[in-house]
């Protein structure tokens, strides 16, 4: 999990403030719960959700998740299902890495 979250980037973006980092993780989790629902609905506007998730992921140092979001956004038609599945797997990894970070911080 350590390679999923770029801790140097996360520290830089939060000024190394642990309380702020935990708050950002909480906000990210809240946003993800809404986006994840969009990724599960057929015909949903999941591309917009992937785009927003991409920006949030980049902002806190989840580069692999951001790349998965970008790939899903760019996939046309039927092949998007596979890219979306990959995105959801990367999202799971990212959430686990954030949970690990928060647990180690406490």
PDB file of N, CA and C in Angstrom:
ATOM      1  N   UNK A   1       0.803  -1.204   0.000  1.00  0.00           N
ATOM      2  CA  UNK A   1       0.000   0.000   0.000  1.00  0.00           C
ATOM      3  C   UNK A   1       0.847   1.270   0.000  1.00  0.00           C
ATOM      4  N   UNK A   2       2.074   1.161   0.436  1.00  0.00           N
ATOM      5  CA  UNK A   2       2.876   2.377   0.591  1.00  0.00           C
ATOM      6  C   UNK A   2       3.079   3.121  -0.720  1.00  0.00           C
ATOM      7  N   UNK A   3       3.109   2.409  -1.851  1.00  0.00           N
ATOM      8  CA  UNK A   3       3.302   3.071  -3.125  1.00  0.00           C
ATOM      9  C   UNK A   3       2.027   3.686  -3.703  1.00  0.00           C
ATOM     10  N   UNK A   4       0.891   3.381  -3.120  1.00  0.00           N
ATOM     11  CA  UNK A   4      -0.383   3.884  -3.631  1.00  0.00           C
ATOM     12  C   UNK A   4      -0.543   5.362  -3.306  1.00  0.00           C
ATOM     13  N   UNK A   5      -0.160   5.737  -2.098  1.00  0.00           N
ATOM     14  CA  UNK A   5      -0.260   7.121  -1.645  1.00  0.00           C
ATOM     15  C   UNK A   5       1.136   7.735  -1.627  1.00  0.00           C
ATOM     16  N   UNK A   6       1.319   8.794  -2.374  1.00  0.00           N
ATOM     17  CA  UNK A   6       2.582   9.533  -2.382  1.00  0.00           C
ATOM     18  C   UNK A   6       2.571  10.441  -1.149  1.00  0.00           C
ATOM     19  N   UNK A   7       3.179   9.952  -0.087  1.00  0.00           N
ATOM     20  CA  UNK A   7       3.137  10.673   1.189  1.00  0.00           C
ATOM     21  C   UNK A   7       3.880  12.002   1.127  1.00  0.00           C
ATOM     22  N   UNK A   8       4.903  12.077   0.335  1.00  0.00           N
ATOM     23  CA  UNK A   8       5.632  13.340   0.186  1.00  0.00           C
ATOM     24  C   UNK A   8       4.717  14.391  -0.435  1.00  0.00           C
ATOM     25  N   UNK A   9       4.009  13.998  -1.462  1.00  0.00           N
ATOM     26  CA  UNK A   9       3.068  14.912  -2.114  1.00  0.00           C
ATOM     27  C   UNK A   9       1.956  15.317  -1.142  1.00  0.00           C
ATOM     28  N   UNK A  10       1.421  14.343  -0.425  1.00  0.00           N
ATOM     29  CA  UNK A  10       0.346  14.603   0.533  1.00  0.00           C
ATOM     30  C   UNK A  10       0.821  15.563   1.625  1.00  0.00           C
ATOM     31  N   UNK A  11       2.037  15.345   2.121  1.00  0.00           N
ATOM     32  CA  UNK A  11       2.615  16.264   3.117  1.00  0.00           C
ATOM     33  C   UNK A  11       2.754  17.668   2.547  1.00  0.00           C
ATOM     34  N   UNK A  12       3.244  17.745   1.327  1.00  0.00           N
ATOM     35  CA  UNK A  12       3.447  19.050   0.685  1.00  0.00           C
ATOM     36  C   UNK A  12       2.109  19.786   0.513  1.00  0.00           C
ATOM     37  N   UNK A  13       1.071  19.060   0.108  1.00  0.00           N
ATOM     38  CA  UNK A  13      -0.229  19.682  -0.149  1.00  0.00           C
ATOM     39  C   UNK A  13      -0.947  20.094   1.136  1.00  0.00           C
ATOM     40  N   UNK A  14      -0.581  19.479   2.258  1.00  0.00           N
ATOM     41  CA  UNK A  14      -1.240  19.776   3.530  1.00  0.00           C
ATOM     42  C   UNK A  14      -0.305  20.468   4.514  1.00  0.00           C
ATOM     43  N   UNK A  15       0.883  20.809   4.057  1.00  0.00           N
ATOM     44  CA  UNK A  15       1.845  21.446   4.953  1.00  0.00           C
ATOM     45  C   UNK A  15       2.285  20.521   6.079  1.00  0.00           C
ATOM     46  N   UNK A  16       2.103  19.215   5.899  1.00  0.00           N
ATOM     47  CA  UNK A  16       2.496  18.247   6.915  1.00  0.00           C
ATOM     48  C   UNK A  16       1.613  18.281   8.159  1.00  0.00           C
ATOM     49  N   UNK A  17       0.497  18.978   8.088  1.00  0.00           N
ATOM     50  CA  UNK A  17      -0.423  19.120   9.220  1.00  0.00           C
ATOM     51  C   UNK A  17      -1.269  17.850   9.339  1.00  0.00           C
ATOM     52  N   UNK A  18      -1.004  17.053  10.360  1.00  0.00           N
ATOM     53  CA  UNK A  18      -1.670  15.767  10.518  1.00  0.00           C
ATOM     54  C   UNK A  18      -3.182  15.920  10.674  1.00  0.00           C
ATOM     55  N   UNK A  19      -3.615  16.894  11.436  1.00  0.00           N
ATOM     56  CA  UNK A  19      -5.060  17.107  11.612  1.00  0.00           C
ATOM     57  C   UNK A  19      -5.714  17.425  10.264  1.00  0.00           C
ATOM     58  N   UNK A  20      -5.044  18.240   9.467  1.00  0.00           N
ATOM     59  CA  UNK A  20      -5.572  18.572   8.136  1.00  0.00           C
ATOM     60  C   UNK A  20      -5.575  17.337   7.244  1.00  0.00           C
ATOM     61  N   UNK A  21      -4.537  16.530   7.317  1.00  0.00           N
ATOM     62  CA  UNK A  21      -4.474  15.317   6.507  1.00  0.00           C
ATOM     63  C   UNK A  21      -5.639  14.384   6.827  1.00  0.00           C
ATOM     64  N   UNK A  22      -5.918  14.213   8.113  1.00  0.00           N
ATOM     65  CA  UNK A  22      -7.025  13.345   8.508  1.00  0.00           C
ATOM     66  C   UNK A  22      -8.366  13.926   8.060  1.00  0.00           C
ATOM     67  N   UNK A  23      -8.475  15.246   8.096  1.00  0.00           N
ATOM     68  CA  UNK A  23      -9.695  15.898   7.626  1.00  0.00           C
ATOM     69  C   UNK A  23      -9.862  15.693   6.113  1.00  0.00           C
ATOM     70  N   UNK A  24      -8.770  15.846   5.371  1.00  0.00           N
ATOM     71  CA  UNK A  24      -8.806  15.648   3.916  1.00  0.00           C
ATOM     72  C   UNK A  24      -9.193  14.209   3.587  1.00  0.00           C
ATOM     73  N   UNK A  25      -8.649  13.260   4.330  1.00  0.00           N
ATOM     74  CA  UNK A  25      -8.994  11.848   4.115  1.00  0.00           C
ATOM     75  C   UNK A  25     -10.489  11.642   4.353  1.00  0.00           C
ATOM     76  N   UNK A  26     -11.020  12.245   5.401  1.00  0.00           N
ATOM     77  CA  UNK A  26     -12.452  12.139   5.673  1.00  0.00           C
ATOM     78  C   UNK A  26     -13.303  12.730   4.564  1.00  0.00           C
ATOM     79  N   UNK A  27     -12.887  13.883   4.061  1.00  0.00           N
ATOM     80  CA  UNK A  27     -13.609  14.518   2.958  1.00  0.00           C
ATOM     81  C   UNK A  27     -13.545  13.660   1.691  1.00  0.00           C
ATOM     82  N   UNK A  28     -12.379  13.109   1.424  1.00  0.00           N
ATOM     83  CA  UNK A  28     -12.215  12.254   0.251  1.00  0.00           C
ATOM     84  C   UNK A  28     -13.139  11.046   0.354  1.00  0.00           C
ATOM     85  N   UNK A  29     -13.158  10.408   1.523  1.00  0.00           N
ATOM     86  CA  UNK A  29     -14.043   9.254   1.724  1.00  0.00           C
ATOM     87  C   UNK A  29     -15.503   9.630   1.471  1.00  0.00           C
ATOM     88  N   UNK A  30     -15.916  10.782   1.975  1.00  0.00           N
ATOM     89  CA  UNK A  30     -17.302  11.234   1.792  1.00  0.00           C
ATOM     90  C   UNK A  30     -17.630  11.423   0.320  1.00  0.00           C
ATOM     91  N   UNK A  31     -16.725  12.062  -0.401  1.00  0.00           N
ATOM     92  CA  UNK A  31     -16.947  12.280  -1.826  1.00  0.00           C
ATOM     93  C   UNK A  31     -16.997  10.961  -2.581  1.00  0.00           C
ATOM     94  N   UNK A  32     -16.111  10.051  -2.229  1.00  0.00           N
ATOM     95  CA  UNK A  32     -16.013   8.767  -2.929  1.00  0.00           C
ATOM     96  C   UNK A  32     -17.296   7.962  -2.797  1.00  0.00           C
ATOM     97  N   UNK A  33     -17.958   8.048  -1.657  1.00  0.00           N
ATOM     98  CA  UNK A  33     -19.177   7.254  -1.491  1.00  0.00           C
ATOM     99  C   UNK A  33     -20.217   7.638  -2.543  1.00  0.00           C
ATOM    100  N   UNK A  34     -20.313   8.903  -2.893  1.00  0.00           N
ATOM    101  CA  UNK A  34     -21.234   9.329  -3.945  1.00  0.00           C
ATOM    102  C   UNK A  34     -20.761   8.914  -5.325  1.00  0.00           C
ATOM    103  N   UNK A  35     -19.479   9.052  -5.567  1.00  0.00           N
ATOM    104  CA  UNK A  35     -18.942   8.712  -6.877  1.00  0.00           C
ATOM    105  C   UNK A  35     -19.010   7.219  -7.137  1.00  0.00           C
ATOM    106  N   UNK A  36     -18.728   6.423  -6.113  1.00  0.00           N
ATOM    107  CA  UNK A  36     -18.731   4.978  -6.282  1.00  0.00           C
ATOM    108  C   UNK A  36     -20.111   4.497  -6.726  1.00  0.00           C
ATOM    109  N   UNK A  37     -21.146   5.126  -6.216  1.00  0.00           N
ATOM    110  CA  UNK A  37     -22.503   4.764  -6.645  1.00  0.00           C
ATOM    111  C   UNK A  37     -22.686   5.031  -8.138  1.00  0.00           C
ATOM    112  N   UNK A  38     -22.108   6.108  -8.642  1.00  0.00           N
ATOM    113  CA  UNK A  38     -22.206   6.425 -10.067  1.00  0.00           C
ATOM    114  C   UNK A  38     -21.497   5.380 -10.925  1.00  0.00           C
ATOM    115  N   UNK A  39     -20.411   4.816 -10.406  1.00  0.00           N
ATOM    116  CA  UNK A  39     -19.654   3.822 -11.166  1.00  0.00           C
ATOM    117  C   UNK A  39     -20.405   2.497 -11.265  1.00  0.00           C
ATOM    118  N   UNK A  40     -21.414   2.307 -10.428  1.00  0.00           N
ATOM    119  CA  UNK A  40     -22.155   1.048 -10.387  1.00  0.00           C
ATOM    120  C   UNK A  40     -23.436   1.068 -11.210  1.00  0.00           C
ATOM    121  N   UNK A  41     -23.903   2.257 -11.587  1.00  0.00           N
ATOM    122  CA  UNK A  41     -25.181   2.367 -12.287  1.00  0.00           C
ATOM    123  C   UNK A  41     -24.995   2.296 -13.805  1.00  0.00           C
ATOM    124  N   UNK A  42     -25.735   1.423 -14.463  1.00  0.00           N
ATOM    125  CA  UNK A  42     -25.668   1.415 -15.928  1.00  0.00           C
ATOM    126  C   UNK A  42     -26.196   2.734 -16.479  1.00  0.00           C
ATOM    127  N   UNK A  43     -25.493   3.281 -17.415  1.00  0.00           N
ATOM    128  CA  UNK A  43     -25.919   4.511 -18.059  1.00  0.00           C
ATOM    129  C   UNK A  43     -25.748   5.762 -17.208  1.00  0.00           C
ATOM    130  N   UNK A  44     -25.184   5.611 -16.016  1.00  0.00           N
ATOM    131  CA  UNK A  44     -25.005   6.774 -15.147  1.00  0.00           C
ATOM    132  C   UNK A  44     -23.940   7.699 -15.723  1.00  0.00           C
ATOM    133  N   UNK A  45     -23.888   8.871 -15.198  1.00  0.00           N
ATOM    134  CA  UNK A  45     -22.896   9.839 -15.648  1.00  0.00           C
ATOM    135  C   UNK A  45     -21.569   9.576 -14.915  1.00  0.00           C
ATOM    136  N   UNK A  46     -21.066   8.366 -15.078  1.00  0.00           N
ATOM    137  CA  UNK A  46     -19.870   7.971 -14.355  1.00  0.00           C
ATOM    138  C   UNK A  46     -18.621   8.668 -14.884  1.00  0.00           C
ATOM    139  N   UNK A  47     -18.629   9.096 -16.135  1.00  0.00           N
ATOM    140  CA  UNK A  47     -17.442   9.775 -16.665  1.00  0.00           C
ATOM    141  C   UNK A  47     -17.203  11.091 -15.926  1.00  0.00           C
ATOM    142  N   UNK A  48     -18.253  11.825 -15.616  1.00  0.00           N
ATOM    143  CA  UNK A  48     -18.104  13.068 -14.852  1.00  0.00           C
ATOM    144  C   UNK A  48     -17.585  12.758 -13.450  1.00  0.00           C
ATOM    145  N   UNK A  49     -18.087  11.683 -12.851  1.00  0.00           N
ATOM    146  CA  UNK A  49     -17.611  11.277 -11.526  1.00  0.00           C
ATOM    147  C   UNK A  49     -16.138  10.880 -11.594  1.00  0.00           C
ATOM    148  N   UNK A  50     -15.756  10.153 -12.637  1.00  0.00           N
ATOM    149  CA  UNK A  50     -14.351   9.758 -12.798  1.00  0.00           C
ATOM    150  C   UNK A  50     -13.460  10.982 -12.961  1.00  0.00           C
ATOM    151  N   UNK A  51     -13.957  11.975 -13.670  1.00  0.00           N
ATOM    152  CA  UNK A  51     -13.190  13.201 -13.873  1.00  0.00           C
ATOM    153  C   UNK A  51     -12.974  13.930 -12.543  1.00  0.00           C
ATOM    154  N   UNK A  52     -14.014  14.043 -11.746  1.00  0.00           N
ATOM    155  CA  UNK A  52     -13.879  14.705 -10.440  1.00  0.00           C
ATOM    156  C   UNK A  52     -12.969  13.909  -9.518  1.00  0.00           C
ATOM    157  N   UNK A  53     -13.121  12.591  -9.533  1.00  0.00           N
ATOM    158  CA  UNK A  53     -12.279  11.740  -8.705  1.00  0.00           C
ATOM    159  C   UNK A  53     -10.818  11.873  -9.119  1.00  0.00           C
ATOM    160  N   UNK A  54     -10.573  11.980 -10.418  1.00  0.00           N
ATOM    161  CA  UNK A  54      -9.207  12.134 -10.925  1.00  0.00           C
ATOM    162  C   UNK A  54      -8.538  13.368 -10.309  1.00  0.00           C
ATOM    163  N   UNK A  55      -9.240  14.479 -10.299  1.00  0.00           N
ATOM    164  CA  UNK A  55      -8.680  15.705  -9.728  1.00  0.00           C
ATOM    165  C   UNK A  55      -8.416  15.584  -8.244  1.00  0.00           C
ATOM    166  N   UNK A  56      -9.346  14.997  -7.522  1.00  0.00           N
ATOM    167  CA  UNK A  56      -9.162  14.823  -6.077  1.00  0.00           C
ATOM    168  C   UNK A  56      -7.999  13.881  -5.792  1.00  0.00           C
ATOM    169  N   UNK A  57      -7.923  12.807  -6.561  1.00  0.00           N
ATOM    170  CA  UNK A  57      -6.842  11.834  -6.370  1.00  0.00           C
ATOM    171  C   UNK A  57      -5.476  12.479  -6.608  1.00  0.00           C
ATOM    172  N   UNK A  58      -5.374  13.243  -7.671  1.00  0.00           N
ATOM    173  CA  UNK A  58      -4.104  13.924  -7.959  1.00  0.00           C
ATOM    174  C   UNK A  58      -3.737  14.900  -6.852  1.00  0.00           C
ATOM    175  N   UNK A  59      -4.740  15.582  -6.319  1.00  0.00           N
ATOM    176  CA  UNK A  59      -4.497  16.583  -5.291  1.00  0.00           C
ATOM    177  C   UNK A  59      -3.891  16.033  -4.019  1.00  0.00           C
ATOM    178  N   UNK A  60      -4.204  14.778  -3.693  1.00  0.00           N
ATOM    179  CA  UNK A  60      -3.678  14.238  -2.438  1.00  0.00           C
ATOM    180  C   UNK A  60      -2.594  13.183  -2.625  1.00  0.00           C
ATOM    181  N   UNK A  61      -2.203  12.933  -3.856  1.00  0.00           N
ATOM    182  CA  UNK A  61      -1.073  12.024  -4.066  1.00  0.00           C
ATOM    183  C   UNK A  61      -1.452  10.598  -4.399  1.00  0.00           C
ATOM    184  N   UNK A  62      -2.610  10.402  -4.997  1.00  0.00           N
ATOM    185  CA  UNK A  62      -3.045   9.073  -5.424  1.00  0.00           C
ATOM    186  C   UNK A  62      -2.935   8.992  -6.954  1.00  0.00           C
ATOM    187  N   UNK A  63      -1.709   9.020  -7.445  1.00  0.00           N
ATOM    188  CA  UNK A  63      -1.450   9.108  -8.880  1.00  0.00           C
ATOM    189  C   UNK A  63      -1.971   7.901  -9.658  1.00  0.00           C
ATOM    190  N   UNK A  64      -1.838   6.708  -9.120  1.00  0.00           N
ATOM    191  CA  UNK A  64      -2.293   5.512  -9.835  1.00  0.00           C
ATOM    192  C   UNK A  64      -3.807   5.538 -10.007  1.00  0.00           C
ATOM    193  N   UNK A  65      -4.510   5.974  -8.980  1.00  0.00           N
ATOM    194  CA  UNK A  65      -5.968   6.112  -9.085  1.00  0.00           C
ATOM    195  C   UNK A  65      -6.318   7.171 -10.123  1.00  0.00           C
ATOM    196  N   UNK A  66      -5.604   8.272 -10.113  1.00  0.00           N
ATOM    197  CA  UNK A  66      -5.866   9.339 -11.099  1.00  0.00           C
ATOM    198  C   UNK A  66      -5.667   8.822 -12.517  1.00  0.00           C
ATOM    199  N   UNK A  67      -4.641   8.025 -12.742  1.00  0.00           N
ATOM    200  CA  UNK A  67      -4.410   7.448 -14.075  1.00  0.00           C
ATOM    201  C   UNK A  67      -5.520   6.483 -14.476  1.00  0.00           C
ATOM    202  N   UNK A  68      -6.019   5.701 -13.517  1.00  0.00           N
ATOM    203  CA  UNK A  68      -7.125   4.786 -13.805  1.00  0.00           C
ATOM    204  C   UNK A  68      -8.382   5.577 -14.162  1.00  0.00           C
ATOM    205  N   UNK A  69      -8.598   6.681 -13.490  1.00  0.00           N
ATOM    206  CA  UNK A  69      -9.747   7.547 -13.801  1.00  0.00           C
ATOM    207  C   UNK A  69      -9.622   8.101 -15.217  1.00  0.00           C
ATOM    208  N   UNK A  70      -8.435   8.552 -15.547  1.00  0.00           N
ATOM    209  CA  UNK A  70      -8.203   9.118 -16.881  1.00  0.00           C
ATOM    210  C   UNK A  70      -8.418   8.063 -17.961  1.00  0.00           C
ATOM    211  N   UNK A  71      -7.925   6.867 -17.726  1.00  0.00           N
ATOM    212  CA  UNK A  71      -8.095   5.783 -18.699  1.00  0.00           C
ATOM    213  C   UNK A  71      -9.577   5.457 -18.880  1.00  0.00           C
ATOM    214  N   UNK A  72     -10.322   5.410 -17.790  1.00  0.00           N
ATOM    215  CA  UNK A  72     -11.751   5.112 -17.884  1.00  0.00           C
ATOM    216  C   UNK A  72     -12.482   6.208 -18.646  1.00  0.00           C
ATOM    217  N   UNK A  73     -12.125   7.455 -18.376  1.00  0.00           N
ATOM    218  CA  UNK A  73     -12.760   8.581 -19.074  1.00  0.00           C
ATOM    219  C   UNK A  73     -12.581   8.490 -20.589  1.00  0.00           C
ATOM    220  N   UNK A  74     -11.422   8.037 -21.010  1.00  0.00           N
ATOM    221  CA  UNK A  74     -11.072   8.040 -22.425  1.00  0.00           C
ATOM    222  C   UNK A  74     -11.544   6.812 -23.194  1.00  0.00           C
ATOM    223  N   UNK A  75     -11.946   5.759 -22.489  1.00  0.00           N
ATOM    224  CA  UNK A  75     -12.377   4.526 -23.161  1.00  0.00           C
ATOM    225  C   UNK A  75     -13.748   4.708 -23.780  1.00  0.00           C
ATOM    226  N   UNK A  76     -13.882   4.372 -25.050  1.00  0.00           N
ATOM    227  CA  UNK A  76     -15.187   4.497 -25.708  1.00  0.00           C
ATOM    228  C   UNK A  76     -16.048   3.249 -25.512  1.00  0.00           C
ATOM    229  N   UNK A  77     -17.309   3.424 -25.577  1.00  0.00           N
ATOM    230  CA  UNK A  77     -18.299   2.352 -25.657  1.00  0.00           C
ATOM    231  C   UNK A  77     -18.084   1.153 -24.770  1.00  0.00           C
ATOM    232  N   UNK A  78     -18.214  -0.050 -25.341  1.00  0.00           N
ATOM    233  CA  UNK A  78     -18.191  -1.284 -24.560  1.00  0.00           C
ATOM    234  C   UNK A  78     -16.888  -1.519 -23.787  1.00  0.00           C
ATOM    235  N   UNK A  79     -15.767  -1.065 -24.301  1.00  0.00           N
ATOM    236  CA  UNK A  79     -14.500  -1.301 -23.606  1.00  0.00           C
ATOM    237  C   UNK A  79     -14.406  -0.478 -22.329  1.00  0.00           C
ATOM    238  N   UNK A  80     -15.300   0.482 -22.147  1.00  0.00           N
ATOM    239  CA  UNK A  80     -15.252   1.289 -20.940  1.00  0.00           C
ATOM    240  C   UNK A  80     -15.580   0.455 -19.701  1.00  0.00           C
ATOM    241  N   UNK A  81     -16.323  -0.621 -19.845  1.00  0.00           N
ATOM    242  CA  UNK A  81     -16.673  -1.469 -18.700  1.00  0.00           C
ATOM    243  C   UNK A  81     -15.414  -2.025 -18.034  1.00  0.00           C
ATOM    244  N   UNK A  82     -14.464  -2.471 -18.841  1.00  0.00           N
ATOM    245  CA  UNK A  82     -13.214  -3.004 -18.291  1.00  0.00           C
ATOM    246  C   UNK A  82     -12.414  -1.895 -17.605  1.00  0.00           C
ATOM    247  N   UNK A  83     -12.341  -0.730 -18.224  1.00  0.00           N
ATOM    248  CA  UNK A  83     -11.619   0.393 -17.623  1.00  0.00           C
ATOM    249  C   UNK A  83     -12.284   0.838 -16.336  1.00  0.00           C
ATOM    250  N   UNK A  84     -13.590   0.803 -16.304  1.00  0.00           N
ATOM    251  CA  UNK A  84     -14.331   1.185 -15.108  1.00  0.00           C
ATOM    252  C   UNK A  84     -14.107   0.171 -13.990  1.00  0.00           C
ATOM    253  N   UNK A  85     -14.037  -1.096 -14.342  1.00  0.00           N
ATOM    254  CA  UNK A  85     -13.741  -2.134 -13.355  1.00  0.00           C
ATOM    255  C   UNK A  85     -12.342  -1.912 -12.769  1.00  0.00           C
ATOM    256  N   UNK A  86     -11.392  -1.570 -13.629  1.00  0.00           N
ATOM    257  CA  UNK A  86     -10.030  -1.284 -13.170  1.00  0.00           C
ATOM    258  C   UNK A  86     -10.037  -0.063 -12.243  1.00  0.00           C
ATOM    259  N   UNK A  87     -10.795   0.959 -12.604  1.00  0.00           N
ATOM    260  CA  UNK A  87     -10.899   2.154 -11.783  1.00  0.00           C
ATOM    261  C   UNK A  87     -11.421   1.793 -10.385  1.00  0.00           C
ATOM    262  N   UNK A  88     -12.454   0.982 -10.327  1.00  0.00           N
ATOM    263  CA  UNK A  88     -13.022   0.590  -9.030  1.00  0.00           C
ATOM    264  C   UNK A  88     -12.020  -0.199  -8.203  1.00  0.00           C
ATOM    265  N   UNK A  89     -11.204  -1.039  -8.840  1.00  0.00           N
ATOM    266  CA  UNK A  89     -10.174  -1.776  -8.109  1.00  0.00           C
ATOM    267  C   UNK A  89      -9.114  -0.824  -7.558  1.00  0.00           C
ATOM    268  N   UNK A  90      -8.701   0.130  -8.371  1.00  0.00           N
ATOM    269  CA  UNK A  90      -7.715   1.121  -7.917  1.00  0.00           C
ATOM    270  C   UNK A  90      -8.285   1.987  -6.801  1.00  0.00           C
ATOM    271  N   UNK A  91      -9.561   2.288  -6.879  1.00  0.00           N
ATOM    272  CA  UNK A  91     -10.212   3.065  -5.823  1.00  0.00           C
ATOM    273  C   UNK A  91     -10.169   2.294  -4.510  1.00  0.00           C
ATOM    274  N   UNK A  92     -10.421   1.008  -4.560  1.00  0.00           N
ATOM    275  CA  UNK A  92     -10.326   0.177  -3.355  1.00  0.00           C
ATOM    276  C   UNK A  92      -8.930   0.213  -2.756  1.00  0.00           C
ATOM    277  N   UNK A  93      -7.923   0.111  -3.619  1.00  0.00           N
ATOM    278  CA  UNK A  93      -6.523   0.171  -3.159  1.00  0.00           C
ATOM    279  C   UNK A  93      -6.218   1.527  -2.527  1.00  0.00           C
ATOM    280  N   UNK A  94      -6.706   2.593  -3.150  1.00  0.00           N
ATOM    281  CA  UNK A  94      -6.458   3.946  -2.641  1.00  0.00           C
ATOM    282  C   UNK A  94      -7.110   4.135  -1.282  1.00  0.00           C
ATOM    283  N   UNK A  95      -8.336   3.686  -1.143  1.00  0.00           N
ATOM    284  CA  UNK A  95      -9.021   3.816   0.147  1.00  0.00           C
ATOM    285  C   UNK A  95      -8.309   3.017   1.231  1.00  0.00           C
ATOM    286  N   UNK A  96      -7.812   1.842   0.882  1.00  0.00           N
ATOM    287  CA  UNK A  96      -7.059   1.035   1.849  1.00  0.00           C
ATOM    288  C   UNK A  96      -5.775   1.745   2.264  1.00  0.00           C
ATOM    289  N   UNK A  97      -5.101   2.380   1.308  1.00  0.00           N
ATOM    290  CA  UNK A  97      -3.866   3.102   1.629  1.00  0.00           C
ATOM    291  C   UNK A  97      -4.154   4.290   2.530  1.00  0.00           C
ATOM    292  N   UNK A  98      -5.255   4.980   2.285  1.00  0.00           N
ATOM    293  CA  UNK A  98      -5.621   6.114   3.136  1.00  0.00           C
ATOM    294  C   UNK A  98      -5.994   5.635   4.540  1.00  0.00           C
ATOM    295  N   UNK A  99      -6.675   4.509   4.635  1.00  0.00           N
ATOM    296  CA  UNK A  99      -7.006   3.951   5.938  1.00  0.00           C
ATOM    297  C   UNK A  99      -5.740   3.578   6.711  1.00  0.00           C
ATOM    298  N   UNK A 100      -4.781   2.998   5.979  1.00  0.00           N
ATOM    299  CA  UNK A 100      -3.507   2.628   6.606  1.00  0.00           C
ATOM    300  C   UNK A 100      -2.784   3.867   7.096  1.00  0.00           C
ATOM    301  N   UNK A 101      -2.756   4.909   6.282  1.00  0.00           N
ATOM    302  CA  UNK A 101      -2.122   6.174   6.674  1.00  0.00           C
ATOM    303  C   UNK A 101      -2.773   6.717   7.938  1.00  0.00           C
ATOM    304  N   UNK A 102      -4.103   6.739   7.966  1.00  0.00           N
ATOM    305  CA  UNK A 102      -4.830   7.287   9.116  1.00  0.00           C
ATOM    306  C   UNK A 102      -4.565   6.438  10.363  1.00  0.00           C
ATOM    307  N   UNK A 103      -4.526   5.125  10.207  1.00  0.00           N
ATOM    308  CA  UNK A 103      -4.266   4.245  11.354  1.00  0.00           C
ATOM    309  C   UNK A 103      -2.868   4.460  11.913  1.00  0.00           C
ATOM    310  N   UNK A 104      -1.901   4.618  11.033  1.00  0.00           N
ATOM    311  CA  UNK A 104      -0.519   4.851  11.479  1.00  0.00           C
ATOM    312  C   UNK A 104      -0.377   6.221  12.136  1.00  0.00           C
ATOM    313  N   UNK A 105      -1.204   7.168  11.740  1.00  0.00           N
ATOM    314  CA  UNK A 105      -1.112   8.527  12.271  1.00  0.00           C
ATOM    315  C   UNK A 105      -1.668   8.627  13.682  1.00  0.00           C
ATOM    316  N   UNK A 106      -2.561   7.727  14.023  1.00  0.00           N
ATOM    317  CA  UNK A 106      -3.210   7.790  15.348  1.00  0.00           C
ATOM    318  C   UNK A 106      -2.337   7.250  16.421  1.00  0.00           C
TER     319      UNK A 106
END
